[in-house]
Amino acid sequence: MVATQADRGPLRVTAAARPTSDGRLTVAVVLRRLESGACRVLVRTMRPNQAPAAHRALLAALWAARRVGARRVAVEIDDGEVVAQVTGRTETPPSAMVAVLQSRALLNAFDAATLRYIPPEENDAAFAAAAAPRSRVPIYCDLPLWAAS
């Protein structure tokens, strides 16, 4: 019998976005399965656009979790303003409205999802991946896709 993700705890997802010296944006996402310690680090460099960097990091994290078949996620991001906007505790500026609505839709697509703020010093894995030169970022590919139940 193939184990499904529903049989396991939530997938822990952390994300960080940092500007590069050439004006682009580096987004790093760390997917970690707590019970086994298996992890995958995804790093992407993007052109800047109107959506704030942290919103783009959150969207990248949610899409990455969907791609590996996660059913339950615990998402952590180091921007409290983004967490407040997505959870509806503060008003969202027009420049971030599309990203907030996309994030809410993706969060609702999981069986269970939590979004919480973590201080930047606790987001060291994603921050280190976002700050490292692309050739020095470790990529772990041992996080399996879960079978659909």
Protein backbone atom coordinates (compact mmCIF):
# COMPACT_ATOMS: atom_id res chain seq x y z
CA MET A 1 0.00 0.00 0.00
CA VAL A 2 1.31 3.44 -0.91
CA ALA A 3 1.30 5.95 1.95
CA THR A 4 -0.49 9.17 1.18
CA GLN A 5 0.43 12.62 2.43
CA ALA A 6 -2.76 12.58 4.48
CA ASP A 7 -1.16 9.80 6.58
CA ARG A 8 1.68 12.16 7.50
CA GLY A 9 1.95 15.46 9.29
CA PRO A 10 1.82 18.72 7.42
CA LEU A 11 4.57 19.72 5.06
CA ARG A 12 6.54 22.61 6.56
CA VAL A 13 7.18 25.29 3.96
CA THR A 14 9.37 28.34 4.51
CA ALA A 15 9.97 31.09 1.97
CA ALA A 16 12.18 34.14 1.60
CA ALA A 17 12.72 36.75 -1.10
CA ARG A 18 15.79 38.92 -1.37
CA PRO A 19 16.86 41.49 -3.99
CA THR A 20 20.03 40.79 -5.96
CA SER A 21 22.75 43.27 -6.82
CA ASP A 22 21.47 43.56 -10.41
CA GLY A 23 17.95 44.59 -9.35
CA ARG A 24 16.36 41.18 -9.82
CA LEU A 25 14.64 39.15 -7.12
CA THR A 26 15.76 35.80 -5.71
CA VAL A 27 12.98 33.69 -4.18
CA ALA A 28 13.87 30.65 -2.10
CA VAL A 29 11.47 27.99 -0.86
CA VAL A 30 12.35 25.20 1.57
CA LEU A 31 9.97 22.24 1.74
CA ARG A 32 10.59 20.01 4.74
CA ARG A 33 8.85 16.88 5.94
CA LEU A 34 9.25 16.96 9.70
CA GLU A 35 8.98 13.28 10.49
CA SER A 36 11.76 12.19 8.12
CA GLY A 37 13.78 15.36 7.75
CA ALA A 38 13.60 15.08 3.94
CA CYS A 39 13.89 18.46 2.36
CA ARG A 40 13.87 20.20 -1.00
CA VAL A 41 15.28 23.67 -1.64
CA LEU A 42 14.00 25.57 -4.64
CA VAL A 43 15.59 28.84 -5.74
CA ARG A 44 14.43 31.06 -8.57
CA THR A 45 15.60 34.45 -9.80
CA MET A 46 12.82 36.67 -11.14
CA ARG A 47 12.45 40.03 -12.80
CA PRO A 48 10.91 42.64 -10.52
CA ASN A 49 7.25 43.50 -10.98
CA GLN A 50 4.57 45.32 -9.02
CA ALA A 51 3.85 42.52 -6.56
CA PRO A 52 5.92 42.83 -3.39
CA ALA A 53 8.77 40.36 -3.03
CA ALA A 54 7.33 38.55 -0.01
CA HIS A 55 4.03 37.96 -1.83
CA ARG A 56 5.94 36.40 -4.70
CA ALA A 57 7.85 34.19 -2.25
CA LEU A 58 4.58 33.06 -0.64
CA LEU A 59 3.05 32.21 -4.01
CA ALA A 60 6.17 30.28 -5.03
CA ALA A 61 6.01 28.34 -1.75
CA LEU A 62 2.34 27.44 -2.17
CA TRP A 63 2.79 26.34 -5.78
CA ALA A 64 5.82 24.24 -4.81
CA ALA A 65 3.79 22.49 -2.10
CA ARG A 66 0.99 21.80 -4.59
CA ARG A 67 3.47 20.39 -7.12
CA VAL A 68 4.76 17.79 -4.64
CA GLY A 69 1.21 16.75 -3.83
CA ALA A 70 0.97 18.10 -0.28
CA ARG A 71 -2.49 17.97 1.26
CA ARG A 72 -1.64 19.75 4.53
CA VAL A 73 0.87 22.57 4.82
CA ALA A 74 2.30 24.81 7.51
CA VAL A 75 3.67 27.87 5.70
CA GLU A 76 6.10 30.25 7.40
CA ILE A 77 7.26 33.54 5.93
CA ASP A 78 9.37 36.33 7.37
CA ASP A 79 7.09 39.23 6.43
CA GLY A 80 4.39 39.94 9.01
CA GLU A 81 2.62 42.43 6.74
CA VAL A 82 2.05 39.75 4.09
CA VAL A 83 0.69 37.33 6.69
CA ALA A 84 -1.67 40.04 8.00
CA GLN A 85 -2.89 40.88 4.49
CA VAL A 86 -3.48 37.27 3.43
CA THR A 87 -5.26 36.39 6.68
CA GLY A 88 -7.42 39.53 6.43
CA ARG A 89 -6.15 41.30 9.56
CA THR A 90 -5.06 44.42 7.64
CA GLU A 91 -6.15 46.16 4.49
CA THR A 92 -4.39 45.12 1.30
CA PRO A 93 -2.96 47.82 -0.97
CA PRO A 94 -4.10 47.69 -4.60
CA SER A 95 -0.59 46.76 -5.81
CA ALA A 96 -0.72 43.53 -3.79
CA MET A 97 -4.40 42.60 -4.23
CA VAL A 98 -3.88 40.05 -7.02
CA ALA A 99 -1.11 38.28 -5.09
CA VAL A 100 -3.20 38.21 -1.90
CA LEU A 101 -6.22 36.75 -3.68
CA GLN A 102 -4.05 34.13 -5.40
CA SER A 103 -2.47 33.20 -2.05
CA ARG A 104 -5.87 32.85 -0.38
CA ALA A 105 -7.13 30.65 -3.20
CA LEU A 106 -4.07 28.40 -3.01
CA LEU A 107 -4.28 28.13 0.78
CA ASN A 108 -7.94 27.09 0.45
CA ALA A 109 -6.97 24.40 -2.07
CA PHE A 110 -5.20 22.37 0.65
CA ASP A 111 -7.08 20.10 3.04
CA ALA A 112 -5.46 22.02 5.90
CA ALA A 113 -3.19 25.05 5.74
CA THR A 114 -1.67 27.44 8.23
CA LEU A 115 0.21 30.63 7.52
CA ARG A 116 2.32 32.27 10.18
CA TYR A 117 4.97 34.92 10.55
CA ILE A 118 8.44 33.92 11.67
CA PRO A 119 11.21 36.40 12.43
CA PRO A 120 13.87 36.61 9.71
CA GLU A 121 16.50 35.16 12.05
CA GLU A 122 14.40 31.97 12.35
CA ASN A 123 14.00 31.73 8.58
CA ASP A 124 17.69 31.02 8.12
CA ALA A 125 17.37 28.06 5.72
CA ALA A 126 15.29 29.96 3.16
CA PHE A 127 17.24 33.17 3.73
CA ALA A 128 20.57 31.39 3.18
CA ALA A 129 19.26 29.81 -0.02
CA ALA A 130 18.01 33.18 -1.29
CA ALA A 131 21.27 34.94 -0.42
CA ALA A 132 23.66 32.27 -1.75
CA PRO A 133 25.04 32.40 -5.27
CA ARG A 134 23.01 30.10 -7.53
CA SER A 135 25.90 27.68 -8.01
CA ARG A 136 26.27 27.19 -4.24
CA VAL A 137 22.65 26.41 -3.34
CA PRO A 138 22.16 22.77 -2.38
CA ILE A 139 19.22 21.15 -4.15
CA TYR A 140 17.81 18.09 -2.42
CA CYS A 141 15.55 15.93 -4.54
CA ASP A 142 14.62 13.22 -2.07
CA LEU A 143 11.19 14.59 -1.17
CA PRO A 144 8.83 12.14 -2.91
CA LEU A 145 5.56 12.95 -4.55
CA TRP A 146 2.68 11.66 -2.48
CA ALA A 147 0.08 9.42 -4.01
CA ALA A 148 -3.40 10.86 -4.22
CA SER A 149 -5.86 9.22 -1.89
